[in-house]
Amino acid sequence: MGLINVLNCAKKHKVKRIIFISSGGALGGDRDILPTPETHPVTTLSPYAITKFVSEKYLNYFQVTFGLEYVVLRYVNVYGPRQIADGECGVIPIFMNNILANQPSRLMTYSDMPKGVTRDYVYIDDIKEANILALTRGANQNFNIGSGEEVYIADIYNKLLEVAEVDLPLVREGKRLGDVRRSVLDVSKAKLNLGWEPKTELKERYRVYLPVFKKSDACEQSSLMKYVWGTAFG
């Protein structure tokens, strides 16, 4: 109902365009085409995916019926400064927090995928640019917004350990129910129609040494995380 309220308000106040953030990973499940284009059939295997897909249909309805323009940006996994390391909000800050605390991390994966599942990661500065371009381009279309690079989760962890110069275990556990094995998006449509392409490669974020300090004060931890993002990832 939240999106419908927004769309009704937009119609009432004659808003010209809605930019909607969808999910490139959630809408596909395990795909037979990698990197996956927007034309690939949608598979809704979770309540989150269902919500995103239905939302895209409502946007199309309001465009056809009332002329309200929209642009759908289907993000992959976004990372960058001040990202919260909580729950499933981002594997990179979760790993970083564990390294700072000198604690092992968990990897939930399939038995035949010891390096974990694969994902596509895009840096926050690239996300900002995509949104700015969507203000004036790509009317009534959906676009994958990612890096086009497939990365194993264990490889991210091992690289963080390398730049931190520490040795902490990655504890492998069983798969998560419904977890997609491989996910990477084809972003050529965004390049063609939005004039957008990712400028930041994940491997570039590892260039600078990542210092590891033990902090007990919450404010100090927050400041340290900001510093770590700025050195190892920015």
C-alpha atoms as a PDB file:
ATOM      1  CA  MET A   1       0.000   0.000   0.000  1.00  0.00           C
ATOM      2  CA  GLY A   2       2.911   2.368   0.581  1.00  0.00           C
ATOM      3  CA  LEU A   3       3.851   2.577  -3.087  1.00  0.00           C
ATOM      4  CA  ILE A   4       0.227   2.958  -4.171  1.00  0.00           C
ATOM      5  CA  ASN A   5      -0.128   5.920  -1.803  1.00  0.00           C
ATOM      6  CA  VAL A   6       2.997   7.484  -3.287  1.00  0.00           C
ATOM      7  CA  LEU A   7       1.728   6.946  -6.823  1.00  0.00           C
ATOM      8  CA  ASN A   8      -1.688   8.413  -6.021  1.00  0.00           C
ATOM      9  CA  CYS A   9      -0.044  11.462  -4.463  1.00  0.00           C
ATOM     10  CA  ALA A  10       2.231  11.809  -7.480  1.00  0.00           C
ATOM     11  CA  LYS A  11      -0.778  11.716  -9.780  1.00  0.00           C
ATOM     12  CA  LYS A  12      -2.666  14.236  -7.664  1.00  0.00           C
ATOM     13  CA  HIS A  13       0.212  16.723  -7.533  1.00  0.00           C
ATOM     14  CA  LYS A  14       1.239  16.210 -11.161  1.00  0.00           C
ATOM     15  CA  VAL A  15       4.658  14.720 -10.452  1.00  0.00           C
ATOM     16  CA  LYS A  16       6.401  14.083 -13.768  1.00  0.00           C
ATOM     17  CA  ARG A  17       8.475  11.027 -12.945  1.00  0.00           C
ATOM     18  CA  ILE A  18       9.007   8.339 -10.296  1.00  0.00           C
ATOM     19  CA  ILE A  19      12.366   6.601  -9.867  1.00  0.00           C
ATOM     20  CA  PHE A  20      11.739   3.243  -8.251  1.00  0.00           C
ATOM     21  CA  ILE A  21      14.428   1.077  -6.691  1.00  0.00           C
ATOM     22  CA  SER A  22      13.891  -2.584  -7.459  1.00  0.00           C
ATOM     23  CA  SER A  23      16.127  -5.646  -7.106  1.00  0.00           C
ATOM     24  CA  GLY A  24      18.107  -7.261  -9.878  1.00  0.00           C
ATOM     25  CA  GLY A  25      19.098 -10.262  -7.799  1.00  0.00           C
ATOM     26  CA  ALA A  26      15.769 -11.066  -6.167  1.00  0.00           C
ATOM     27  CA  LEU A  27      13.751 -11.106  -9.370  1.00  0.00           C
ATOM     28  CA  GLY A  28      15.625 -13.847 -11.139  1.00  0.00           C
ATOM     29  CA  GLY A  29      16.361 -16.835  -8.939  1.00  0.00           C
ATOM     30  CA  ASP A  30      19.022 -19.100 -10.424  1.00  0.00           C
ATOM     31  CA  ARG A  31      19.374 -18.058 -14.041  1.00  0.00           C
ATOM     32  CA  ASP A  32      20.444 -19.955 -17.146  1.00  0.00           C
ATOM     33  CA  ILE A  33      21.942 -16.768 -18.648  1.00  0.00           C
ATOM     34  CA  LEU A  34      24.823 -14.995 -16.898  1.00  0.00           C
ATOM     35  CA  PRO A  35      25.246 -12.038 -16.856  1.00  0.00           C
ATOM     36  CA  THR A  36      21.467 -11.763 -16.841  1.00  0.00           C
ATOM     37  CA  PRO A  37      19.637  -9.137 -18.954  1.00  0.00           C
ATOM     38  CA  GLU A  38      16.377  -7.406 -18.053  1.00  0.00           C
ATOM     39  CA  THR A  39      14.563  -9.544 -20.647  1.00  0.00           C
ATOM     40  CA  HIS A  40      15.144 -12.724 -18.667  1.00  0.00           C
ATOM     41  CA  PRO A  41      11.882 -14.166 -17.232  1.00  0.00           C
ATOM     42  CA  VAL A  42      11.214 -13.044 -13.678  1.00  0.00           C
ATOM     43  CA  THR A  43      11.124 -15.669 -10.931  1.00  0.00           C
ATOM     44  CA  THR A  44       9.547 -14.553  -7.654  1.00  0.00           C
ATOM     45  CA  LEU A  45      10.852 -16.979  -5.029  1.00  0.00           C
ATOM     46  CA  SER A  46      10.525 -14.749  -1.973  1.00  0.00           C
ATOM     47  CA  PRO A  47       8.012 -12.259  -0.511  1.00  0.00           C
ATOM     48  CA  TYR A  48      10.588  -9.524  -1.173  1.00  0.00           C
ATOM     49  CA  ALA A  49      10.829 -10.463  -4.854  1.00  0.00           C
ATOM     50  CA  ILE A  50       7.047 -10.641  -5.159  1.00  0.00           C
ATOM     51  CA  THR A  51       6.733  -7.147  -3.662  1.00  0.00           C
ATOM     52  CA  LYS A  52       9.291  -5.685  -6.067  1.00  0.00           C
ATOM     53  CA  PHE A  53       7.752  -7.349  -9.111  1.00  0.00           C
ATOM     54  CA  VAL A  54       4.203  -6.272  -8.242  1.00  0.00           C
ATOM     55  CA  SER A  55       5.491  -2.744  -7.624  1.00  0.00           C
ATOM     56  CA  GLU A  56       6.941  -2.636 -11.124  1.00  0.00           C
ATOM     57  CA  LYS A  57       3.539  -3.678 -12.492  1.00  0.00           C
ATOM     58  CA  TYR A  58       1.806  -0.868 -10.560  1.00  0.00           C
ATOM     59  CA  LEU A  59       4.259   1.621 -12.026  1.00  0.00           C
ATOM     60  CA  ASN A  60       3.407   0.413 -15.502  1.00  0.00           C
ATOM     61  CA  TYR A  61      -0.317   0.645 -14.739  1.00  0.00           C
ATOM     62  CA  PHE A  62      -0.035   4.258 -13.557  1.00  0.00           C
ATOM     63  CA  GLN A  63       1.994   5.143 -16.630  1.00  0.00           C
ATOM     64  CA  VAL A  64      -0.444   3.617 -19.091  1.00  0.00           C
ATOM     65  CA  THR A  65      -3.548   4.890 -17.288  1.00  0.00           C
ATOM     66  CA  PHE A  66      -2.481   8.295 -15.975  1.00  0.00           C
ATOM     67  CA  GLY A  67       0.683   9.137 -17.910  1.00  0.00           C
ATOM     68  CA  LEU A  68       2.965   9.085 -14.872  1.00  0.00           C
ATOM     69  CA  GLU A  69       6.518   8.430 -16.077  1.00  0.00           C
ATOM     70  CA  TYR A  70       8.762   6.046 -14.202  1.00  0.00           C
ATOM     71  CA  VAL A  71      12.223   4.542 -14.295  1.00  0.00           C
ATOM     72  CA  VAL A  72      12.985   1.273 -12.511  1.00  0.00           C
ATOM     73  CA  LEU A  73      16.549   0.746 -11.307  1.00  0.00           C
ATOM     74  CA  ARG A  74      17.221  -2.869 -10.382  1.00  0.00           C
ATOM     75  CA  TYR A  75      20.151  -2.740  -8.006  1.00  0.00           C
ATOM     76  CA  VAL A  76      22.537  -5.540  -7.200  1.00  0.00           C
ATOM     77  CA  ASN A  77      24.415  -5.526  -3.855  1.00  0.00           C
ATOM     78  CA  VAL A  78      25.367  -1.950  -3.025  1.00  0.00           C
ATOM     79  CA  TYR A  79      28.405  -1.200  -0.856  1.00  0.00           C
ATOM     80  CA  GLY A  80      30.121   1.931   0.401  1.00  0.00           C
ATOM     81  CA  PRO A  81      30.806   4.258   3.347  1.00  0.00           C
ATOM     82  CA  ARG A  82      28.520   4.179   6.406  1.00  0.00           C
ATOM     83  CA  GLN A  83      26.884   0.931   5.331  1.00  0.00           C
ATOM     84  CA  ILE A  84      25.363  -0.766   8.360  1.00  0.00           C
ATOM     85  CA  ALA A  85      26.804  -4.140   9.361  1.00  0.00           C
ATOM     86  CA  ASP A  86      23.592  -5.599  10.677  1.00  0.00           C
ATOM     87  CA  GLY A  87      21.609  -8.692   9.731  1.00  0.00           C
ATOM     88  CA  GLU A  88      21.633  -9.119   5.956  1.00  0.00           C
ATOM     89  CA  CYS A  89      22.338  -5.482   5.117  1.00  0.00           C
ATOM     90  CA  GLY A  90      25.713  -6.144   3.558  1.00  0.00           C
ATOM     91  CA  VAL A  91      28.282  -8.906   3.674  1.00  0.00           C
ATOM     92  CA  ILE A  92      31.246  -6.544   3.231  1.00  0.00           C
ATOM     93  CA  PRO A  93      30.661  -4.433   6.386  1.00  0.00           C
ATOM     94  CA  ILE A  94      29.721  -7.592   8.309  1.00  0.00           C
ATOM     95  CA  PHE A  95      33.080  -9.144   7.410  1.00  0.00           C
ATOM     96  CA  MET A  96      34.878  -5.903   8.250  1.00  0.00           C
ATOM     97  CA  ASN A  97      33.235  -5.649  11.665  1.00  0.00           C
ATOM     98  CA  ASN A  98      34.217  -9.220  12.450  1.00  0.00           C
ATOM     99  CA  ILE A  99      37.809  -8.595  11.393  1.00  0.00           C
ATOM    100  CA  LEU A 100      37.956  -5.484  13.573  1.00  0.00           C
ATOM    101  CA  ALA A 101      36.622  -7.531  16.483  1.00  0.00           C
ATOM    102  CA  ASN A 102      39.059 -10.387  15.750  1.00  0.00           C
ATOM    103  CA  GLN A 103      36.161 -12.784  15.291  1.00  0.00           C
ATOM    104  CA  PRO A 104      35.548 -15.445  12.634  1.00  0.00           C
ATOM    105  CA  SER A 105      32.806 -14.981  10.062  1.00  0.00           C
ATOM    106  CA  ARG A 106      30.149 -17.379   8.820  1.00  0.00           C
ATOM    107  CA  LEU A 107      29.562 -18.439   5.249  1.00  0.00           C
ATOM    108  CA  MET A 108      26.236 -20.086   4.463  1.00  0.00           C
ATOM    109  CA  THR A 109      26.630 -22.008   1.240  1.00  0.00           C
ATOM    110  CA  TYR A 110      25.836 -25.114  -0.754  1.00  0.00           C
ATOM    111  CA  SER A 111      27.932 -28.235  -0.246  1.00  0.00           C
ATOM    112  CA  ASP A 112      29.240 -28.075  -3.812  1.00  0.00           C
ATOM    113  CA  MET A 113      30.151 -24.379  -3.553  1.00  0.00           C
ATOM    114  CA  PRO A 114      32.913 -24.116  -0.903  1.00  0.00           C
ATOM    115  CA  LYS A 115      33.641 -20.497  -1.866  1.00  0.00           C
ATOM    116  CA  GLY A 116      30.024 -19.568  -1.311  1.00  0.00           C
ATOM    117  CA  VAL A 117      27.455 -18.192  -3.696  1.00  0.00           C
ATOM    118  CA  THR A 118      28.343 -15.486  -6.204  1.00  0.00           C
ATOM    119  CA  ARG A 119      27.042 -11.956  -6.264  1.00  0.00           C
ATOM    120  CA  ASP A 120      27.387  -8.723  -8.211  1.00  0.00           C
ATOM    121  CA  TYR A 121      28.510  -5.637  -6.244  1.00  0.00           C
ATOM    122  CA  VAL A 122      28.180  -1.968  -7.170  1.00  0.00           C
ATOM    123  CA  TYR A 123      29.728   1.024  -5.403  1.00  0.00           C
ATOM    124  CA  ILE A 124      27.524   3.763  -3.939  1.00  0.00           C
ATOM    125  CA  ASP A 125      29.029   6.522  -6.110  1.00  0.00           C
ATOM    126  CA  ASP A 126      27.982   4.595  -9.218  1.00  0.00           C
ATOM    127  CA  ILE A 127      24.490   4.223  -7.757  1.00  0.00           C
ATOM    128  CA  LYS A 128      24.241   7.977  -7.247  1.00  0.00           C
ATOM    129  CA  GLU A 129      25.154   8.618 -10.865  1.00  0.00           C
ATOM    130  CA  ALA A 130      22.534   6.147 -12.106  1.00  0.00           C
ATOM    131  CA  ASN A 131      19.815   7.959 -10.169  1.00  0.00           C
ATOM    132  CA  ILE A 132      20.863  11.359 -11.477  1.00  0.00           C
ATOM    133  CA  LEU A 133      20.793  10.119 -15.068  1.00  0.00           C
ATOM    134  CA  ALA A 134      17.376   8.513 -14.497  1.00  0.00           C
ATOM    135  CA  LEU A 135      15.908  11.946 -13.803  1.00  0.00           C
ATOM    136  CA  THR A 136      15.964  12.788 -17.504  1.00  0.00           C
ATOM    137  CA  ARG A 137      16.603   9.534 -19.384  1.00  0.00           C
ATOM    138  CA  GLY A 138      15.159   6.048 -19.786  1.00  0.00           C
ATOM    139  CA  ALA A 139      11.471   6.868 -19.387  1.00  0.00           C
ATOM    140  CA  ASN A 140       9.196   3.914 -18.636  1.00  0.00           C
ATOM    141  CA  GLN A 141      11.945   1.302 -18.692  1.00  0.00           C
ATOM    142  CA  ASN A 142      13.685  -0.917 -16.169  1.00  0.00           C
ATOM    143  CA  PHE A 143      17.456  -1.123 -15.905  1.00  0.00           C
ATOM    144  CA  ASN A 144      19.939  -3.429 -14.238  1.00  0.00           C
ATOM    145  CA  ILE A 145      22.392  -1.428 -12.139  1.00  0.00           C
ATOM    146  CA  GLY A 146      25.440  -3.506 -11.241  1.00  0.00           C
ATOM    147  CA  SER A 147      29.066  -4.116 -12.090  1.00  0.00           C
ATOM    148  CA  GLY A 148      28.624  -7.080 -14.419  1.00  0.00           C
ATOM    149  CA  GLU A 149      31.310  -8.871 -12.388  1.00  0.00           C
ATOM    150  CA  GLU A 150      30.564 -12.165 -10.646  1.00  0.00           C
ATOM    151  CA  VAL A 151      32.326 -12.488  -7.272  1.00  0.00           C
ATOM    152  CA  TYR A 152      32.451 -15.378  -4.802  1.00  0.00           C
ATOM    153  CA  ILE A 153      31.702 -14.255  -1.247  1.00  0.00           C
ATOM    154  CA  ALA A 154      34.685 -16.167   0.158  1.00  0.00           C
ATOM    155  CA  ASP A 155      36.989 -14.274  -2.197  1.00  0.00           C
ATOM    156  CA  ILE A 156      35.844 -10.992  -0.649  1.00  0.00           C
ATOM    157  CA  TYR A 157      36.579 -12.308   2.823  1.00  0.00           C
ATOM    158  CA  ASN A 158      40.013 -13.601   1.888  1.00  0.00           C
ATOM    159  CA  LYS A 159      40.967 -10.297   0.282  1.00  0.00           C
ATOM    160  CA  LEU A 160      39.931  -8.389   3.394  1.00  0.00           C
ATOM    161  CA  LEU A 161      42.062 -10.728   5.507  1.00  0.00           C
ATOM    162  CA  GLU A 162      44.976 -10.171   3.157  1.00  0.00           C
ATOM    163  CA  VAL A 163      44.914  -6.381   3.363  1.00  0.00           C
ATOM    164  CA  ALA A 164      44.259  -6.532   7.120  1.00  0.00           C
ATOM    165  CA  GLU A 165      47.204  -8.913   7.579  1.00  0.00           C
ATOM    166  CA  VAL A 166      45.247 -11.206   9.867  1.00  0.00           C
ATOM    167  CA  ASP A 167      44.213 -14.843   9.766  1.00  0.00           C
ATOM    168  CA  LEU A 168      40.663 -15.552  10.891  1.00  0.00           C
ATOM    169  CA  PRO A 169      38.573 -18.571   9.912  1.00  0.00           C
ATOM    170  CA  LEU A 170      35.557 -18.494   7.660  1.00  0.00           C
ATOM    171  CA  VAL A 171      33.137 -20.978   9.186  1.00  0.00           C
ATOM    172  CA  ARG A 172      31.126 -22.743   6.511  1.00  0.00           C
ATOM    173  CA  GLU A 173      27.554 -23.643   7.333  1.00  0.00           C
ATOM    174  CA  GLY A 174      24.642 -25.033   5.390  1.00  0.00           C
ATOM    175  CA  LYS A 175      22.772 -23.164   2.701  1.00  0.00           C
ATOM    176  CA  ARG A 176      20.083 -20.611   3.394  1.00  0.00           C
ATOM    177  CA  LEU A 177      16.643 -21.634   2.232  1.00  0.00           C
ATOM    178  CA  GLY A 178      15.977 -20.218  -1.223  1.00  0.00           C
ATOM    179  CA  ASP A 179      19.423 -18.688  -1.605  1.00  0.00           C
ATOM    180  CA  VAL A 180      20.362 -18.006  -5.245  1.00  0.00           C
ATOM    181  CA  ARG A 181      23.568 -19.785  -6.226  1.00  0.00           C
ATOM    182  CA  ARG A 182      24.895 -17.375  -8.845  1.00  0.00           C
ATOM    183  CA  SER A 183      23.871 -13.815  -9.559  1.00  0.00           C
ATOM    184  CA  VAL A 184      25.417 -11.244 -11.908  1.00  0.00           C
ATOM    185  CA  LEU A 185      23.623  -8.752 -14.125  1.00  0.00           C
ATOM    186  CA  ASP A 186      24.038  -7.565 -17.693  1.00  0.00           C
ATOM    187  CA  VAL A 187      24.141  -3.747 -17.519  1.00  0.00           C
ATOM    188  CA  SER A 188      24.476  -3.032 -21.245  1.00  0.00           C
ATOM    189  CA  LYS A 189      20.937  -1.631 -21.464  1.00  0.00           C
ATOM    190  CA  ALA A 190      21.743   1.029 -18.859  1.00  0.00           C
ATOM    191  CA  LYS A 191      24.859   1.967 -20.799  1.00  0.00           C
ATOM    192  CA  LEU A 192      22.892   2.284 -24.033  1.00  0.00           C
ATOM    193  CA  ASN A 193      19.784   4.093 -22.761  1.00  0.00           C
ATOM    194  CA  LEU A 194      20.918   5.919 -19.624  1.00  0.00           C
ATOM    195  CA  GLY A 195      24.496   6.575 -20.622  1.00  0.00           C
ATOM    196  CA  TRP A 196      25.524   4.863 -17.374  1.00  0.00           C
ATOM    197  CA  GLU A 197      28.182   2.313 -16.632  1.00  0.00           C
ATOM    198  CA  PRO A 198      29.996   1.360 -13.416  1.00  0.00           C
ATOM    199  CA  LYS A 199      33.272   3.189 -12.879  1.00  0.00           C
ATOM    200  CA  THR A 200      34.435   1.480  -9.689  1.00  0.00           C
ATOM    201  CA  GLU A 201      35.636  -2.116  -9.681  1.00  0.00           C
ATOM    202  CA  LEU A 202      35.401  -4.013  -6.416  1.00  0.00           C
ATOM    203  CA  LYS A 203      39.048  -5.040  -6.598  1.00  0.00           C
ATOM    204  CA  GLU A 204      40.067  -1.365  -6.616  1.00  0.00           C
ATOM    205  CA  ARG A 205      38.581  -0.944  -3.151  1.00  0.00           C
ATOM    206  CA  TYR A 206      41.244  -3.228  -1.685  1.00  0.00           C
ATOM    207  CA  ARG A 207      44.275  -1.215  -2.701  1.00  0.00           C
ATOM    208  CA  VAL A 208      45.117   0.490   0.595  1.00  0.00           C
ATOM    209  CA  TYR A 209      46.162  -1.275   3.777  1.00  0.00           C
ATOM    210  CA  LEU A 210      43.298  -1.980   6.183  1.00  0.00           C
ATOM    211  CA  PRO A 211      44.397  -1.334   9.782  1.00  0.00           C
ATOM    212  CA  VAL A 212      42.838  -3.515  12.472  1.00  0.00           C
ATOM    213  CA  PHE A 213      42.260  -1.959  15.859  1.00  0.00           C
ATOM    214  CA  LYS A 214      40.323  -3.187  18.855  1.00  0.00           C
ATOM    215  CA  LYS A 215      37.819  -0.591  20.016  1.00  0.00           C
ATOM    216  CA  SER A 216      35.425  -0.912  22.917  1.00  0.00           C
ATOM    217  CA  ASP A 217      33.641   2.417  22.697  1.00  0.00           C
ATOM    218  CA  ALA A 218      30.685   2.473  20.308  1.00  0.00           C
ATOM    219  CA  CYS A 219      31.496   5.967  19.042  1.00  0.00           C
ATOM    220  CA  GLU A 220      35.093   4.941  18.413  1.00  0.00           C
ATOM    221  CA  GLN A 221      33.870   1.874  16.529  1.00  0.00           C
ATOM    222  CA  SER A 222      31.675   4.057  14.332  1.00  0.00           C
ATOM    223  CA  SER A 223      34.559   6.432  13.602  1.00  0.00           C
ATOM    224  CA  LEU A 224      36.866   3.524  12.868  1.00  0.00           C
ATOM    225  CA  MET A 225      34.421   1.975  10.414  1.00  0.00           C
ATOM    226  CA  LYS A 226      34.221   5.306   8.591  1.00  0.00           C
ATOM    227  CA  TYR A 227      38.022   5.418   8.450  1.00  0.00           C
ATOM    228  CA  VAL A 228      38.295   1.842   7.231  1.00  0.00           C
ATOM    229  CA  TRP A 229      35.850   2.494   4.402  1.00  0.00           C
ATOM    230  CA  GLY A 230      37.876   5.528   3.395  1.00  0.00           C
ATOM    231  CA  THR A 231      41.173   3.624   3.294  1.00  0.00           C
ATOM    232  CA  ALA A 232      40.497   0.074   2.170  1.00  0.00           C
ATOM    233  CA  PHE A 233      37.444   0.865   0.066  1.00  0.00           C
ATOM    234  CA  GLY A 234      37.697   4.409  -1.127  1.00  0.00           C
END
